[in-house]
N, C-alpha and C. Protein backbone atom coordinates (compact mmCIF):
# COMPACT_ATOMS: atom_id res chain seq x y z
N MET A 1 22.05 4.85 229.21
CA MET A 1 23.33 4.35 228.75
C MET A 1 23.14 3.64 227.41
N THR A 2 24.21 3.42 226.70
CA THR A 2 24.15 2.80 225.39
C THR A 2 23.84 1.31 225.52
N ASP A 3 23.33 0.71 224.42
CA ASP A 3 23.00 -0.71 224.48
C ASP A 3 24.28 -1.55 224.42
N ALA A 4 24.14 -2.84 224.70
CA ALA A 4 25.29 -3.73 224.86
C ALA A 4 26.14 -3.83 223.58
N LEU A 5 25.51 -3.95 222.42
CA LEU A 5 26.27 -4.04 221.17
C LEU A 5 27.04 -2.77 220.88
N GLU A 6 26.41 -1.64 221.10
CA GLU A 6 27.07 -0.35 220.89
C GLU A 6 28.22 -0.17 221.87
N LEU A 7 28.00 -0.58 223.11
CA LEU A 7 29.05 -0.48 224.12
C LEU A 7 30.23 -1.40 223.78
N ASP A 8 29.94 -2.60 223.30
CA ASP A 8 31.02 -3.51 222.89
C ASP A 8 31.86 -2.90 221.78
N ALA A 9 31.19 -2.31 220.78
CA ALA A 9 31.90 -1.69 219.66
C ALA A 9 32.73 -0.50 220.14
N LEU A 10 32.15 0.32 221.02
CA LEU A 10 32.87 1.47 221.56
C LEU A 10 34.09 1.01 222.37
N TRP A 11 33.92 0.00 223.21
CA TRP A 11 35.01 -0.54 224.02
C TRP A 11 36.18 -0.96 223.11
N ASP A 12 35.85 -1.71 222.06
CA ASP A 12 36.89 -2.18 221.14
C ASP A 12 37.57 -1.03 220.41
N GLU A 13 36.77 -0.08 219.94
CA GLU A 13 37.33 1.06 219.22
C GLU A 13 38.18 1.94 220.15
N PHE A 14 37.71 2.17 221.35
CA PHE A 14 38.47 2.95 222.33
C PHE A 14 39.82 2.30 222.60
N HIS A 15 39.81 0.99 222.83
CA HIS A 15 41.07 0.30 223.12
C HIS A 15 41.95 0.16 221.88
N SER A 16 41.40 0.38 220.72
CA SER A 16 42.20 0.40 219.50
C SER A 16 42.91 1.75 219.34
N VAL A 17 42.20 2.85 219.60
CA VAL A 17 42.82 4.18 219.43
C VAL A 17 43.68 4.56 220.63
N VAL A 18 43.33 4.07 221.82
CA VAL A 18 44.16 4.31 223.00
C VAL A 18 45.20 3.18 223.02
N ASN A 19 46.32 3.45 222.35
CA ASN A 19 47.33 2.40 222.16
C ASN A 19 48.46 2.48 223.18
N MET A 20 48.33 3.34 224.15
CA MET A 20 49.30 3.41 225.24
C MET A 20 48.76 2.60 226.42
N THR A 21 49.65 1.93 227.14
CA THR A 21 49.21 1.21 228.34
C THR A 21 48.90 2.23 229.43
N SER A 22 48.25 1.78 230.48
CA SER A 22 47.95 2.70 231.58
C SER A 22 49.26 3.20 232.21
N GLN A 23 50.29 2.36 232.26
CA GLN A 23 51.57 2.78 232.81
C GLN A 23 52.22 3.84 231.92
N GLU A 24 52.17 3.65 230.59
CA GLU A 24 52.74 4.63 229.67
C GLU A 24 52.01 5.96 229.77
N LEU A 25 50.68 5.91 229.83
CA LEU A 25 49.88 7.13 229.91
C LEU A 25 50.15 7.85 231.24
N ALA A 26 50.18 7.12 232.34
CA ALA A 26 50.45 7.74 233.64
C ALA A 26 51.82 8.42 233.64
N ALA A 27 52.81 7.75 233.07
CA ALA A 27 54.16 8.34 233.01
C ALA A 27 54.15 9.59 232.14
N TRP A 28 53.45 9.55 231.00
CA TRP A 28 53.41 10.71 230.11
C TRP A 28 52.72 11.89 230.80
N LEU A 29 51.62 11.63 231.49
CA LEU A 29 50.91 12.71 232.17
C LEU A 29 51.79 13.36 233.23
N ARG A 30 52.59 12.56 233.93
CA ARG A 30 53.51 13.12 234.93
C ARG A 30 54.59 13.96 234.26
N VAL A 31 55.14 13.46 233.17
CA VAL A 31 56.19 14.20 232.44
C VAL A 31 55.64 15.50 231.88
N GLN A 32 54.46 15.42 231.30
CA GLN A 32 53.83 16.59 230.68
C GLN A 32 53.57 17.69 231.69
N ASP A 33 53.21 17.32 232.91
CA ASP A 33 52.88 18.31 233.94
C ASP A 33 54.06 18.72 234.80
N ALA A 34 55.18 18.03 234.65
CA ALA A 34 56.33 18.32 235.51
C ALA A 34 56.91 19.69 235.20
N GLY A 35 57.24 20.41 236.26
CA GLY A 35 57.90 21.69 236.11
C GLY A 35 59.39 21.52 236.32
N GLU A 36 60.10 22.62 236.28
CA GLU A 36 61.54 22.57 236.46
C GLU A 36 61.93 21.98 237.82
N ASP A 37 61.19 22.35 238.85
CA ASP A 37 61.55 21.92 240.20
C ASP A 37 60.50 21.03 240.86
N THR A 38 59.40 20.78 240.19
CA THR A 38 58.33 20.02 240.82
C THR A 38 57.76 18.97 239.87
N GLU A 39 57.18 17.97 240.46
CA GLU A 39 56.45 16.97 239.71
C GLU A 39 55.14 16.75 240.43
N PRO A 40 54.01 16.70 239.70
CA PRO A 40 52.71 16.55 240.37
C PRO A 40 52.58 15.15 240.97
N LEU A 41 51.66 15.03 241.92
CA LEU A 41 51.33 13.71 242.45
C LEU A 41 50.76 12.87 241.32
N PRO A 42 51.07 11.58 241.28
CA PRO A 42 50.63 10.74 240.16
C PRO A 42 49.14 10.82 239.85
N ASP A 43 48.30 10.89 240.89
CA ASP A 43 46.86 10.93 240.63
C ASP A 43 46.35 12.33 240.30
N GLN A 44 47.25 13.31 240.21
CA GLN A 44 46.85 14.67 239.87
C GLN A 44 47.53 15.17 238.59
N ALA A 45 48.30 14.32 237.93
CA ALA A 45 49.03 14.73 236.73
C ALA A 45 48.12 14.69 235.51
N GLY A 46 48.32 15.65 234.61
CA GLY A 46 47.57 15.68 233.36
C GLY A 46 46.26 16.41 233.48
N ASP A 47 45.61 16.58 232.32
CA ASP A 47 44.32 17.26 232.32
C ASP A 47 43.23 16.26 232.70
N PRO A 48 42.03 16.76 232.98
CA PRO A 48 40.96 15.86 233.43
C PRO A 48 40.64 14.74 232.44
N THR A 49 40.69 15.02 231.14
CA THR A 49 40.39 13.97 230.17
C THR A 49 41.45 12.88 230.21
N GLY A 50 42.71 13.26 230.28
CA GLY A 50 43.77 12.27 230.38
C GLY A 50 43.64 11.41 231.63
N GLN A 51 43.30 12.04 232.74
CA GLN A 51 43.08 11.30 233.99
C GLN A 51 41.89 10.35 233.86
N HIS A 52 40.85 10.80 233.15
CA HIS A 52 39.66 9.97 232.97
C HIS A 52 39.99 8.77 232.09
N VAL A 53 40.78 8.99 231.02
CA VAL A 53 41.19 7.89 230.15
C VAL A 53 41.98 6.87 230.97
N LEU A 54 42.86 7.35 231.81
CA LEU A 54 43.65 6.48 232.66
C LEU A 54 42.74 5.64 233.58
N ALA A 55 41.74 6.27 234.13
CA ALA A 55 40.79 5.55 235.00
C ALA A 55 40.02 4.49 234.21
N ILE A 56 39.61 4.82 232.98
CA ILE A 56 38.87 3.86 232.14
C ILE A 56 39.75 2.66 231.82
N LEU A 57 41.03 2.90 231.54
CA LEU A 57 41.94 1.79 231.22
C LEU A 57 42.06 0.80 232.38
N GLN A 58 41.74 1.24 233.57
CA GLN A 58 41.86 0.37 234.74
C GLN A 58 40.53 -0.26 235.14
N LYS A 59 39.50 -0.08 234.30
CA LYS A 59 38.18 -0.61 234.60
C LYS A 59 37.85 -1.81 233.71
N ARG A 60 36.86 -2.54 234.20
CA ARG A 60 36.26 -3.58 233.36
C ARG A 60 35.09 -2.95 232.62
N ARG A 61 34.76 -3.50 231.48
CA ARG A 61 33.67 -2.97 230.66
C ARG A 61 32.38 -2.84 231.47
N MET A 62 32.09 -3.81 232.32
CA MET A 62 30.83 -3.79 233.07
C MET A 62 30.78 -2.69 234.13
N ASP A 63 31.93 -2.09 234.44
CA ASP A 63 32.00 -1.05 235.47
C ASP A 63 31.94 0.37 234.92
N LEU A 64 31.76 0.51 233.61
CA LEU A 64 31.74 1.84 233.00
C LEU A 64 30.52 2.64 233.44
N THR A 65 30.74 3.94 233.60
CA THR A 65 29.64 4.86 233.91
C THR A 65 29.25 5.59 232.62
N ASP A 66 28.13 6.32 232.68
CA ASP A 66 27.74 7.14 231.52
C ASP A 66 28.81 8.16 231.19
N ASP A 67 29.46 8.72 232.21
CA ASP A 67 30.52 9.69 231.99
C ASP A 67 31.72 9.03 231.30
N ASP A 68 32.04 7.80 231.68
CA ASP A 68 33.11 7.06 231.01
C ASP A 68 32.79 6.89 229.53
N VAL A 69 31.57 6.52 229.24
CA VAL A 69 31.15 6.30 227.85
C VAL A 69 31.28 7.61 227.06
N ARG A 70 30.88 8.71 227.66
CA ARG A 70 31.00 10.01 226.99
C ARG A 70 32.46 10.32 226.66
N VAL A 71 33.35 10.10 227.62
CA VAL A 71 34.78 10.36 227.40
C VAL A 71 35.33 9.41 226.34
N MET A 72 34.90 8.17 226.35
CA MET A 72 35.37 7.21 225.35
C MET A 72 34.99 7.67 223.94
N TYR A 73 33.74 8.12 223.76
CA TYR A 73 33.32 8.65 222.46
C TYR A 73 34.17 9.86 222.07
N GLU A 74 34.41 10.74 223.03
CA GLU A 74 35.19 11.96 222.78
C GLU A 74 36.61 11.61 222.33
N VAL A 75 37.24 10.65 222.99
CA VAL A 75 38.60 10.25 222.65
C VAL A 75 38.64 9.59 221.27
N VAL A 76 37.72 8.69 221.00
CA VAL A 76 37.67 8.03 219.69
C VAL A 76 37.48 9.07 218.59
N ASP A 77 36.55 10.00 218.78
CA ASP A 77 36.30 11.05 217.78
C ASP A 77 37.53 11.92 217.57
N THR A 78 38.20 12.31 218.64
CA THR A 78 39.39 13.17 218.55
C THR A 78 40.51 12.47 217.80
N VAL A 79 40.82 11.25 218.18
CA VAL A 79 41.92 10.52 217.54
C VAL A 79 41.59 10.24 216.07
N THR A 80 40.36 9.84 215.79
CA THR A 80 39.96 9.55 214.41
C THR A 80 40.05 10.79 213.55
N ALA A 81 39.59 11.93 214.05
CA ALA A 81 39.66 13.18 213.29
C ALA A 81 41.11 13.57 213.01
N GLU A 82 41.98 13.42 213.99
CA GLU A 82 43.39 13.76 213.80
C GLU A 82 44.05 12.81 212.80
N GLN A 83 43.72 11.53 212.86
CA GLN A 83 44.30 10.56 211.93
C GLN A 83 43.82 10.84 210.50
N ASP A 84 42.60 11.25 210.35
CA ASP A 84 42.06 11.55 209.02
C ASP A 84 42.75 12.76 208.41
N ARG A 85 43.16 13.72 209.25
CA ARG A 85 43.79 14.94 208.73
C ARG A 85 45.22 14.72 208.30
N TYR A 86 45.93 13.86 209.01
CA TYR A 86 47.36 13.67 208.75
C TYR A 86 47.71 12.20 208.84
N ASP A 87 48.23 11.64 207.75
CA ASP A 87 48.66 10.25 207.79
C ASP A 87 50.18 10.11 207.83
N GLU A 88 50.89 11.19 207.51
CA GLU A 88 52.34 11.09 207.48
C GLU A 88 52.91 11.21 208.89
N PRO A 89 53.97 10.41 209.18
CA PRO A 89 54.59 10.51 210.51
C PRO A 89 55.12 11.90 210.82
N GLU A 90 55.57 12.66 209.81
CA GLU A 90 56.09 14.01 210.07
C GLU A 90 55.01 14.91 210.65
N ALA A 91 53.76 14.62 210.35
CA ALA A 91 52.66 15.44 210.84
C ALA A 91 52.38 15.17 212.32
N MET A 92 53.03 14.17 212.87
CA MET A 92 52.78 13.78 214.24
C MET A 92 53.76 14.41 215.22
N GLU A 93 54.32 15.52 214.87
CA GLU A 93 55.32 16.15 215.73
C GLU A 93 54.70 17.22 216.63
N GLY A 94 55.44 17.59 217.64
CA GLY A 94 55.12 18.75 218.47
C GLY A 94 53.84 18.67 219.26
N ASP A 95 53.18 19.81 219.32
CA ASP A 95 52.00 19.97 220.17
C ASP A 95 50.90 18.96 219.84
N ARG A 96 50.69 18.72 218.56
CA ARG A 96 49.64 17.81 218.14
C ARG A 96 49.89 16.40 218.69
N ARG A 97 51.10 15.94 218.54
CA ARG A 97 51.48 14.62 219.05
C ARG A 97 51.31 14.57 220.57
N HIS A 98 51.72 15.63 221.25
CA HIS A 98 51.60 15.68 222.71
C HIS A 98 50.14 15.68 223.16
N ARG A 99 49.28 16.39 222.43
CA ARG A 99 47.85 16.40 222.76
C ARG A 99 47.27 15.00 222.63
N LEU A 100 47.63 14.28 221.57
CA LEU A 100 47.12 12.92 221.38
C LEU A 100 47.65 11.99 222.47
N MET A 101 48.91 12.14 222.82
CA MET A 101 49.48 11.29 223.87
C MET A 101 48.81 11.56 225.21
N ALA A 102 48.35 12.78 225.44
CA ALA A 102 47.69 13.13 226.71
C ALA A 102 46.35 12.43 226.87
N ILE A 103 45.80 11.86 225.77
CA ILE A 103 44.56 11.09 225.86
C ILE A 103 44.81 9.62 225.54
N GLY A 104 46.09 9.22 225.54
CA GLY A 104 46.41 7.80 225.43
C GLY A 104 46.74 7.27 224.06
N HIS A 105 46.87 8.17 223.07
CA HIS A 105 47.19 7.72 221.72
C HIS A 105 48.61 8.13 221.37
N GLY A 106 49.49 7.15 221.23
CA GLY A 106 50.85 7.40 220.78
C GLY A 106 50.90 7.31 219.27
N PRO A 107 50.88 8.46 218.56
CA PRO A 107 50.77 8.42 217.10
C PRO A 107 51.97 7.78 216.41
N LEU A 108 53.11 7.74 217.05
CA LEU A 108 54.29 7.14 216.44
C LEU A 108 54.47 5.68 216.86
N LYS A 109 53.60 5.22 217.73
CA LYS A 109 53.67 3.85 218.22
C LYS A 109 53.09 2.91 217.16
N PRO A 110 53.82 1.84 216.82
CA PRO A 110 53.28 0.90 215.81
C PRO A 110 51.97 0.30 216.29
N SER A 111 51.03 0.15 215.35
CA SER A 111 49.75 -0.44 215.75
C SER A 111 49.92 -1.95 215.88
N GLY A 112 49.15 -2.50 216.80
CA GLY A 112 49.36 -3.82 217.24
C GLY A 112 48.66 -4.91 216.60
């Protein structure tokens, strides 16, 4: 596993790019997966990465697993790469915005 300083930095960066609360992310995952006549069970909504992000948001730093750390790096890298490519709000529309929201980043949400 990563050392304590690296983990602290990753924790802070992850919580900076994941700007949706666990409640907002859970609701988005349910909406995203809902069909015309069905809605998935709350703990089965969304893709595995979105579900993993949701689980991480409900953990304490000391309870992280190596798999959690891997997903945190993946999410930080994904959000950072997307932000570097497009800074204009118009670029945050459609599929791209929905993909980011599925991992907990609301691109149109004001930063805190």
